[in-house]
Amino acid sequence: MWKQLGALALLVGGLALVPGPAHAGEISCKMTFSLSGWSVFYKTAKGSGTIRCSNGQTMHVKLSAKGGGLTFGKTHIDNGIGKFTGVYDIHEVLGHYANAEAHAGAVKSAGAQALTKGNVGLALSGKGEGWNLGVAFGAFIIEQ
């Protein structure tokens, strides 16, 4: 009987050591994009991009930026890069990101921004043409 109880205890103890279901880990996602827009107190821009993630997911997206402040200008960005953090599925990148920026540039310019949406972060960088000057607040929006 002691042998049977010992075997049962080993079996139950062994089951306790079996790992539970694995949770998907954070993935790396990168966006290439183009964006153009203007601002005279109100800032608006539209564009498109492609997001590719380390798990093989890919999505074509529409981009827009809206906001206001003391801002004037016209800009165009080609071959911009966005890097996401805090992502576990590509669909988490969609939505409205908080945006605050100070900008100045003439003819050829470069810029970078860090945006957030809950736990998801987005770092944007790009080079473009145009002119701009000001301080603006608003939203950067990614839609499918």
Protein backbone atom coordinates (compact mmCIF):
# COMPACT_ATOMS: atom_id res chain seq x y z
CA MET A 1 0.00 0.00 0.00
CA TRP A 2 2.85 2.39 0.83
CA LYS A 3 4.25 1.80 -2.67
CA GLN A 4 0.90 2.73 -4.25
CA LEU A 5 0.63 5.91 -2.15
CA GLY A 6 4.21 6.82 -3.01
CA ALA A 7 3.54 6.35 -6.74
CA LEU A 8 0.37 8.44 -6.49
CA ALA A 9 2.25 11.21 -4.66
CA LEU A 10 4.94 11.20 -7.37
CA LEU A 11 2.28 11.39 -10.09
CA VAL A 12 0.44 14.31 -8.42
CA GLY A 13 3.74 16.07 -7.66
CA GLY A 14 4.85 15.59 -11.27
CA LEU A 15 1.62 17.12 -12.59
CA ALA A 16 2.24 20.22 -10.47
CA LEU A 17 5.53 20.71 -12.31
CA VAL A 18 3.97 20.68 -15.80
CA PRO A 19 4.08 24.24 -17.15
CA GLY A 20 0.84 26.05 -17.93
CA PRO A 21 0.00 27.46 -21.35
CA ALA A 22 2.67 29.74 -22.72
CA HIS A 23 1.83 33.42 -23.17
CA ALA A 24 3.00 35.10 -26.35
CA GLY A 25 5.90 37.44 -25.73
CA GLU A 26 6.38 41.01 -26.83
CA ILE A 27 7.08 41.34 -30.55
CA SER A 28 9.12 43.89 -32.44
CA CYS A 29 7.18 45.97 -35.00
CA LYS A 30 8.49 48.56 -37.44
CA MET A 31 6.58 50.91 -39.76
CA THR A 32 7.75 52.58 -42.97
CA PHE A 33 5.60 55.55 -44.00
CA SER A 34 5.03 58.68 -46.04
CA LEU A 35 3.15 61.69 -44.64
CA SER A 36 2.34 65.19 -45.88
CA GLY A 37 0.39 68.07 -44.41
CA TRP A 38 0.09 71.71 -43.50
CA SER A 39 -0.60 73.88 -40.48
CA VAL A 40 -1.94 77.35 -39.77
CA PHE A 41 -2.88 77.17 -36.07
CA TYR A 42 -4.63 73.88 -36.94
CA LYS A 43 -2.32 71.07 -38.01
CA THR A 44 -3.35 68.25 -40.34
CA ALA A 45 -1.43 65.57 -42.23
CA LYS A 46 -2.30 62.36 -44.06
CA GLY A 47 -0.30 59.44 -45.35
CA SER A 48 0.11 55.70 -45.49
CA GLY A 49 2.50 53.06 -44.28
CA THR A 50 3.30 49.40 -43.86
CA ILE A 51 3.88 47.73 -40.50
CA ARG A 52 5.96 44.55 -40.27
CA CYS A 53 6.44 42.57 -37.06
CA SER A 54 8.99 40.00 -35.94
CA ASN A 55 6.29 37.30 -35.77
CA GLY A 56 5.58 37.65 -39.53
CA GLN A 57 2.45 39.82 -39.26
CA THR A 58 2.17 42.64 -41.84
CA MET A 59 -0.44 45.39 -42.19
CA HIS A 60 -0.96 48.31 -44.59
CA VAL A 61 -2.24 51.36 -42.70
CA LYS A 62 -3.64 54.86 -43.21
CA LEU A 63 -2.07 57.62 -41.14
CA SER A 64 -3.35 61.01 -40.05
CA ALA A 65 -2.22 63.70 -37.64
CA LYS A 66 -4.55 66.32 -36.22
CA GLY A 67 -4.04 69.05 -33.67
CA GLY A 68 -3.56 72.68 -32.95
CA GLY A 69 -1.33 75.22 -31.33
CA LEU A 70 0.91 78.03 -32.45
CA THR A 71 2.12 76.39 -35.65
CA PHE A 72 2.63 77.33 -39.31
CA GLY A 73 4.03 75.33 -42.21
CA LYS A 74 3.84 72.75 -44.93
CA THR A 75 5.76 69.46 -44.83
CA HIS A 76 6.23 66.18 -46.68
CA ILE A 77 8.02 63.10 -45.28
CA ASP A 78 9.06 60.13 -47.43
CA ASN A 79 10.66 56.94 -46.11
CA GLY A 80 9.80 57.69 -42.49
CA ILE A 81 10.44 55.01 -39.86
CA GLY A 82 8.34 54.14 -36.83
CA LYS A 83 9.37 51.69 -34.12
CA PHE A 84 6.79 50.28 -31.72
CA THR A 85 7.31 48.99 -28.16
CA GLY A 86 4.95 47.15 -25.83
CA VAL A 87 3.25 45.21 -28.66
CA TYR A 88 2.06 41.59 -28.42
CA ASP A 89 -0.14 41.55 -31.56
CA ILE A 90 0.01 43.78 -34.65
CA HIS A 91 -3.57 45.01 -34.10
CA GLU A 92 -2.45 46.76 -30.89
CA VAL A 93 -0.67 49.40 -33.00
CA LEU A 94 -3.98 50.76 -34.35
CA GLY A 95 -5.54 53.81 -32.69
CA HIS A 96 -4.87 57.34 -31.43
CA TYR A 97 -1.45 58.27 -30.06
CA ALA A 98 -0.90 61.35 -27.89
CA ASN A 99 1.33 63.88 -29.63
CA ALA A 100 3.14 67.02 -28.48
CA GLU A 101 5.91 68.63 -30.49
CA ALA A 102 8.02 71.66 -31.09
CA HIS A 103 9.27 72.00 -34.65
CA ALA A 104 11.30 74.23 -36.90
CA GLY A 105 12.69 73.55 -40.34
CA ALA A 106 13.24 74.97 -43.80
CA VAL A 107 13.61 73.28 -47.20
CA LYS A 108 15.17 69.92 -46.14
CA SER A 109 14.53 69.00 -42.53
CA ALA A 110 14.60 66.00 -40.19
CA GLY A 111 12.64 65.22 -37.08
CA ALA A 112 11.80 62.66 -34.44
CA GLN A 113 8.87 62.18 -32.06
CA ALA A 114 7.96 59.82 -29.24
CA LEU A 115 4.24 59.01 -28.95
CA THR A 116 2.19 56.85 -26.59
CA LYS A 117 -1.09 54.96 -26.59
CA GLY A 118 -1.58 53.15 -23.30
CA ASN A 119 1.25 50.62 -22.97
CA VAL A 120 2.23 50.93 -26.65
CA GLY A 121 4.99 53.38 -27.53
CA LEU A 122 5.89 54.68 -30.98
CA ALA A 123 9.10 56.46 -31.95
CA LEU A 124 8.87 58.25 -35.32
CA SER A 125 11.74 59.60 -37.36
CA GLY A 126 12.00 60.89 -40.88
CA LYS A 127 13.46 63.34 -43.33
CA GLY A 128 11.42 65.58 -45.53
CA GLU A 129 10.93 68.80 -47.37
CA GLY A 130 8.98 71.92 -46.53
CA TRP A 131 9.01 74.59 -43.90
CA ASN A 132 7.50 74.74 -40.45
CA LEU A 133 7.66 76.60 -37.19
CA GLY A 134 5.72 76.24 -33.98
CA VAL A 135 4.42 74.19 -31.11
CA ALA A 136 1.50 71.78 -31.59
CA PHE A 137 -0.53 69.28 -29.59
CA GLY A 138 -2.86 66.63 -30.92
CA ALA A 139 -3.15 63.04 -32.09
CA PHE A 140 -1.34 60.74 -34.48
CA ILE A 141 -3.83 58.18 -35.76
CA ILE A 142 -3.14 54.75 -37.29
CA GLU A 143 -6.07 53.00 -39.03
CA GLN A 144 -6.43 49.92 -41.18
